[in-house]
């Protein structure tokens, strides 16, 4: 579904009007919702940061997905920072959003798969032949140390 958000700042009435339309029929945009917000509340939200602005723009009747809400918030912020413009129009296609989410899910799947491979490398498994509680056996080594001359080496240093 294609959606259009028409944002209008009305300085005379001190309001912000957001109209949400959607393509319910082929090439025909139908008005779904119109929200009127006080300009003072929007300006306070802008001062309190992006999250506060997104929260102020979302209402019971108009609650766009996070990706759309972020772009709407950016457009509103630009309207209030630019004295020359008082309207903005944003077009969204849900297919783009779904494709973006699928791409993000694929990346997350790849990361989880790599993490599983690393866990396998870090496995501390021992051979079954290893005796965990057994005593250390005496090792017979073919190398013999001459105990008589071992102290001669240390004296030379």
C-alpha atoms as a PDB file:
ATOM      1  CA  UNK A   1       0.000   0.000   0.000  1.00  0.00           C
ATOM      2  CA  UNK A   2       1.233   3.467  -0.826  1.00  0.00           C
ATOM      3  CA  UNK A   3       0.833   6.220   1.750  1.00  0.00           C
ATOM      4  CA  UNK A   4       1.159   9.975   1.583  1.00  0.00           C
ATOM      5  CA  UNK A   5       1.640  12.317   4.517  1.00  0.00           C
ATOM      6  CA  UNK A   6       0.907  15.977   3.836  1.00  0.00           C
ATOM      7  CA  UNK A   7       2.280  18.195   6.621  1.00  0.00           C
ATOM      8  CA  UNK A   8       1.236  21.843   6.904  1.00  0.00           C
ATOM      9  CA  UNK A   9       2.454  24.366   9.461  1.00  0.00           C
ATOM     10  CA  UNK A  10      -0.069  27.136  10.069  1.00  0.00           C
ATOM     11  CA  UNK A  11       1.644  29.994  11.908  1.00  0.00           C
ATOM     12  CA  UNK A  12      -1.492  32.164  11.985  1.00  0.00           C
ATOM     13  CA  UNK A  13      -3.488  29.588  13.960  1.00  0.00           C
ATOM     14  CA  UNK A  14      -0.431  28.156  15.756  1.00  0.00           C
ATOM     15  CA  UNK A  15      -1.154  24.568  14.634  1.00  0.00           C
ATOM     16  CA  UNK A  16       0.454  21.743  12.702  1.00  0.00           C
ATOM     17  CA  UNK A  17      -1.840  19.691  10.462  1.00  0.00           C
ATOM     18  CA  UNK A  18      -0.857  16.221   9.249  1.00  0.00           C
ATOM     19  CA  UNK A  19      -3.014  14.425   6.695  1.00  0.00           C
ATOM     20  CA  UNK A  20      -2.495  10.735   6.040  1.00  0.00           C
ATOM     21  CA  UNK A  21      -3.746   9.366   2.735  1.00  0.00           C
ATOM     22  CA  UNK A  22      -3.456   5.888   1.288  1.00  0.00           C
ATOM     23  CA  UNK A  23      -3.864   4.303  -2.109  1.00  0.00           C
ATOM     24  CA  UNK A  24      -6.891   2.100  -1.521  1.00  0.00           C
ATOM     25  CA  UNK A  25      -7.729   1.938  -5.255  1.00  0.00           C
ATOM     26  CA  UNK A  26      -5.231   1.969  -8.107  1.00  0.00           C
ATOM     27  CA  UNK A  27      -3.843   5.525  -8.499  1.00  0.00           C
ATOM     28  CA  UNK A  28      -6.492   7.009  -6.154  1.00  0.00           C
ATOM     29  CA  UNK A  29      -5.372   8.445  -2.809  1.00  0.00           C
ATOM     30  CA  UNK A  30      -8.027   8.418  -0.074  1.00  0.00           C
ATOM     31  CA  UNK A  31      -7.828  10.483   3.109  1.00  0.00           C
ATOM     32  CA  UNK A  32      -7.468   8.207   6.130  1.00  0.00           C
ATOM     33  CA  UNK A  33      -6.774  10.623   8.935  1.00  0.00           C
ATOM     34  CA  UNK A  34      -6.193  14.280   9.722  1.00  0.00           C
ATOM     35  CA  UNK A  35      -4.474  15.297  12.931  1.00  0.00           C
ATOM     36  CA  UNK A  36      -4.206  18.862  14.243  1.00  0.00           C
ATOM     37  CA  UNK A  37      -1.506  19.479  16.833  1.00  0.00           C
ATOM     38  CA  UNK A  38      -0.735  22.685  18.769  1.00  0.00           C
ATOM     39  CA  UNK A  39       2.435  24.366  17.503  1.00  0.00           C
ATOM     40  CA  UNK A  40       3.640  24.995  21.054  1.00  0.00           C
ATOM     41  CA  UNK A  41       3.560  21.263  21.865  1.00  0.00           C
ATOM     42  CA  UNK A  42       5.503  20.465  18.676  1.00  0.00           C
ATOM     43  CA  UNK A  43       8.135  23.133  19.413  1.00  0.00           C
ATOM     44  CA  UNK A  44       8.560  21.802  22.966  1.00  0.00           C
ATOM     45  CA  UNK A  45       8.931  18.275  21.602  1.00  0.00           C
ATOM     46  CA  UNK A  46      11.570  19.452  19.104  1.00  0.00           C
ATOM     47  CA  UNK A  47      13.530  21.019  21.967  1.00  0.00           C
ATOM     48  CA  UNK A  48      13.328  17.767  23.966  1.00  0.00           C
ATOM     49  CA  UNK A  49      14.816  15.658  21.174  1.00  0.00           C
ATOM     50  CA  UNK A  50      13.829  13.377  18.357  1.00  0.00           C
ATOM     51  CA  UNK A  51      12.167  10.705  20.508  1.00  0.00           C
ATOM     52  CA  UNK A  52       9.937  13.304  22.154  1.00  0.00           C
ATOM     53  CA  UNK A  53       8.966  14.670  18.734  1.00  0.00           C
ATOM     54  CA  UNK A  54       8.088  11.204  17.407  1.00  0.00           C
ATOM     55  CA  UNK A  55       5.976  10.566  20.518  1.00  0.00           C
ATOM     56  CA  UNK A  56       4.182  13.902  20.051  1.00  0.00           C
ATOM     57  CA  UNK A  57       3.429  13.175  16.375  1.00  0.00           C
ATOM     58  CA  UNK A  58       2.013   9.704  16.984  1.00  0.00           C
ATOM     59  CA  UNK A  59      -1.611   9.671  18.096  1.00  0.00           C
ATOM     60  CA  UNK A  60      -4.311   7.075  18.634  1.00  0.00           C
ATOM     61  CA  UNK A  61      -5.587   7.687  15.092  1.00  0.00           C
ATOM     62  CA  UNK A  62      -2.254   8.116  13.343  1.00  0.00           C
ATOM     63  CA  UNK A  63       0.515   5.759  14.428  1.00  0.00           C
ATOM     64  CA  UNK A  64       2.931   5.223  11.512  1.00  0.00           C
ATOM     65  CA  UNK A  65       5.671   2.570  11.616  1.00  0.00           C
ATOM     66  CA  UNK A  66       8.953   3.634  13.209  1.00  0.00           C
ATOM     67  CA  UNK A  67      10.744   4.203   9.886  1.00  0.00           C
ATOM     68  CA  UNK A  68       7.945   6.475   8.653  1.00  0.00           C
ATOM     69  CA  UNK A  69       7.637   8.277  11.998  1.00  0.00           C
ATOM     70  CA  UNK A  70      11.348   9.146  11.915  1.00  0.00           C
ATOM     71  CA  UNK A  71      11.056  10.650   8.425  1.00  0.00           C
ATOM     72  CA  UNK A  72       7.904  12.559   9.379  1.00  0.00           C
ATOM     73  CA  UNK A  73       9.687  13.914  12.469  1.00  0.00           C
ATOM     74  CA  UNK A  74      12.610  15.064  10.300  1.00  0.00           C
ATOM     75  CA  UNK A  75      10.218  16.844   7.924  1.00  0.00           C
ATOM     76  CA  UNK A  76       8.410  18.559  10.815  1.00  0.00           C
ATOM     77  CA  UNK A  77      11.696  19.645  12.347  1.00  0.00           C
ATOM     78  CA  UNK A  78      12.792  21.097   8.995  1.00  0.00           C
ATOM     79  CA  UNK A  79       9.503  23.018   8.719  1.00  0.00           C
ATOM     80  CA  UNK A  80      10.022  24.635  12.104  1.00  0.00           C
ATOM     81  CA  UNK A  81      13.686  25.437  11.411  1.00  0.00           C
ATOM     82  CA  UNK A  82      13.093  26.926   7.970  1.00  0.00           C
ATOM     83  CA  UNK A  83      11.058  30.144   7.882  1.00  0.00           C
ATOM     84  CA  UNK A  84      10.589  29.871   4.104  1.00  0.00           C
ATOM     85  CA  UNK A  85       8.607  26.625   3.966  1.00  0.00           C
ATOM     86  CA  UNK A  86       5.323  25.732   5.581  1.00  0.00           C
ATOM     87  CA  UNK A  87       4.391  22.437   3.885  1.00  0.00           C
ATOM     88  CA  UNK A  88       5.987  19.076   3.268  1.00  0.00           C
ATOM     89  CA  UNK A  89       4.779  15.957   1.526  1.00  0.00           C
ATOM     90  CA  UNK A  90       6.138  12.468   2.092  1.00  0.00           C
ATOM     91  CA  UNK A  91       5.309   9.392   0.001  1.00  0.00           C
ATOM     92  CA  UNK A  92       5.851   5.861   1.294  1.00  0.00           C
ATOM     93  CA  UNK A  93       5.407   2.450  -0.256  1.00  0.00           C
ATOM     94  CA  UNK A  94       4.979  -0.456   2.152  1.00  0.00           C
ATOM     95  CA  UNK A  95       6.839  -2.731  -0.277  1.00  0.00           C
ATOM     96  CA  UNK A  96       9.986  -0.655   0.309  1.00  0.00           C
ATOM     97  CA  UNK A  97       9.548  -1.022   4.069  1.00  0.00           C
ATOM     98  CA  UNK A  98       9.046  -4.786   3.795  1.00  0.00           C
ATOM     99  CA  UNK A  99      12.097  -5.190   1.558  1.00  0.00           C
ATOM    100  CA  UNK A 100      14.173  -3.154   4.030  1.00  0.00           C
ATOM    101  CA  UNK A 101      12.977  -5.346   6.937  1.00  0.00           C
ATOM    102  CA  UNK A 102      13.761  -8.520   4.995  1.00  0.00           C
ATOM    103  CA  UNK A 103      17.269  -7.282   4.245  1.00  0.00           C
ATOM    104  CA  UNK A 104      17.800  -6.462   7.934  1.00  0.00           C
ATOM    105  CA  UNK A 105      16.487  -9.913   8.922  1.00  0.00           C
ATOM    106  CA  UNK A 106      18.920 -11.568   6.477  1.00  0.00           C
ATOM    107  CA  UNK A 107      21.833  -9.676   8.021  1.00  0.00           C
ATOM    108  CA  UNK A 108      20.736 -10.744  11.525  1.00  0.00           C
ATOM    109  CA  UNK A 109      20.469 -14.380  10.383  1.00  0.00           C
ATOM    110  CA  UNK A 110      24.017 -14.214   8.999  1.00  0.00           C
ATOM    111  CA  UNK A 111      25.314 -12.785  12.285  1.00  0.00           C
ATOM    112  CA  UNK A 112      23.588 -15.514  14.321  1.00  0.00           C
ATOM    113  CA  UNK A 113      24.982 -18.209  12.012  1.00  0.00           C
ATOM    114  CA  UNK A 114      28.523 -16.854  12.413  1.00  0.00           C
ATOM    115  CA  UNK A 115      28.075 -16.733  16.190  1.00  0.00           C
ATOM    116  CA  UNK A 116      27.101 -20.415  16.157  1.00  0.00           C
ATOM    117  CA  UNK A 117      30.249 -21.273  14.193  1.00  0.00           C
ATOM    118  CA  UNK A 118      32.420 -19.381  16.688  1.00  0.00           C
ATOM    119  CA  UNK A 119      30.754 -21.215  19.597  1.00  0.00           C
ATOM    120  CA  UNK A 120      31.709 -24.513  17.975  1.00  0.00           C
ATOM    121  CA  UNK A 121      35.346 -23.395  17.791  1.00  0.00           C
ATOM    122  CA  UNK A 122      35.324 -22.442  21.463  1.00  0.00           C
ATOM    123  CA  UNK A 123      33.969 -25.814  22.585  1.00  0.00           C
ATOM    124  CA  UNK A 124      36.089 -27.146  25.459  1.00  0.00           C
ATOM    125  CA  UNK A 125      35.333 -30.809  24.795  1.00  0.00           C
ATOM    126  CA  UNK A 126      38.117 -33.280  25.593  1.00  0.00           C
ATOM    127  CA  UNK A 127      38.871 -36.671  24.137  1.00  0.00           C
ATOM    128  CA  UNK A 128      37.197 -39.555  25.922  1.00  0.00           C
ATOM    129  CA  UNK A 129      40.631 -41.158  26.490  1.00  0.00           C
ATOM    130  CA  UNK A 130      41.597 -38.365  28.870  1.00  0.00           C
ATOM    131  CA  UNK A 131      41.619 -39.427  32.507  1.00  0.00           C
ATOM    132  CA  UNK A 132      40.253 -36.538  34.524  1.00  0.00           C
ATOM    133  CA  UNK A 133      40.788 -37.910  38.025  1.00  0.00           C
ATOM    134  CA  UNK A 134      43.692 -40.247  37.369  1.00  0.00           C
ATOM    135  CA  UNK A 135      47.127 -39.821  38.919  1.00  0.00           C
ATOM    136  CA  UNK A 136      50.000 -38.586  36.827  1.00  0.00           C
ATOM    137  CA  UNK A 137      51.965 -41.560  35.657  1.00  0.00           C
ATOM    138  CA  UNK A 138      55.755 -41.665  35.839  1.00  0.00           C
ATOM    139  CA  UNK A 139      57.183 -40.885  32.447  1.00  0.00           C
ATOM    140  CA  UNK A 140      60.288 -42.804  31.449  1.00  0.00           C
ATOM    141  CA  UNK A 141      62.382 -40.439  29.421  1.00  0.00           C
ATOM    142  CA  UNK A 142      65.391 -41.510  27.341  1.00  0.00           C
ATOM    143  CA  UNK A 143      67.156 -38.238  28.306  1.00  0.00           C
ATOM    144  CA  UNK A 144      69.339 -38.434  31.404  1.00  0.00           C
ATOM    145  CA  UNK A 145      70.484 -35.401  33.372  1.00  0.00           C
ATOM    146  CA  UNK A 146      73.946 -35.422  34.903  1.00  0.00           C
ATOM    147  CA  UNK A 147      73.278 -34.205  38.442  1.00  0.00           C
ATOM    148  CA  UNK A 148      76.981 -33.837  39.288  1.00  0.00           C
ATOM    149  CA  UNK A 149      77.749 -31.181  36.666  1.00  0.00           C
ATOM    150  CA  UNK A 150      74.413 -29.326  36.781  1.00  0.00           C
ATOM    151  CA  UNK A 151      75.689 -26.846  39.391  1.00  0.00           C
ATOM    152  CA  UNK A 152      78.754 -26.003  37.273  1.00  0.00           C
ATOM    153  CA  UNK A 153      76.532 -24.229  34.746  1.00  0.00           C
ATOM    154  CA  UNK A 154      75.032 -21.897  37.354  1.00  0.00           C
ATOM    155  CA  UNK A 155      78.480 -20.905  38.760  1.00  0.00           C
ATOM    156  CA  UNK A 156      79.632 -19.548  35.440  1.00  0.00           C
ATOM    157  CA  UNK A 157      76.955 -16.848  35.304  1.00  0.00           C
END
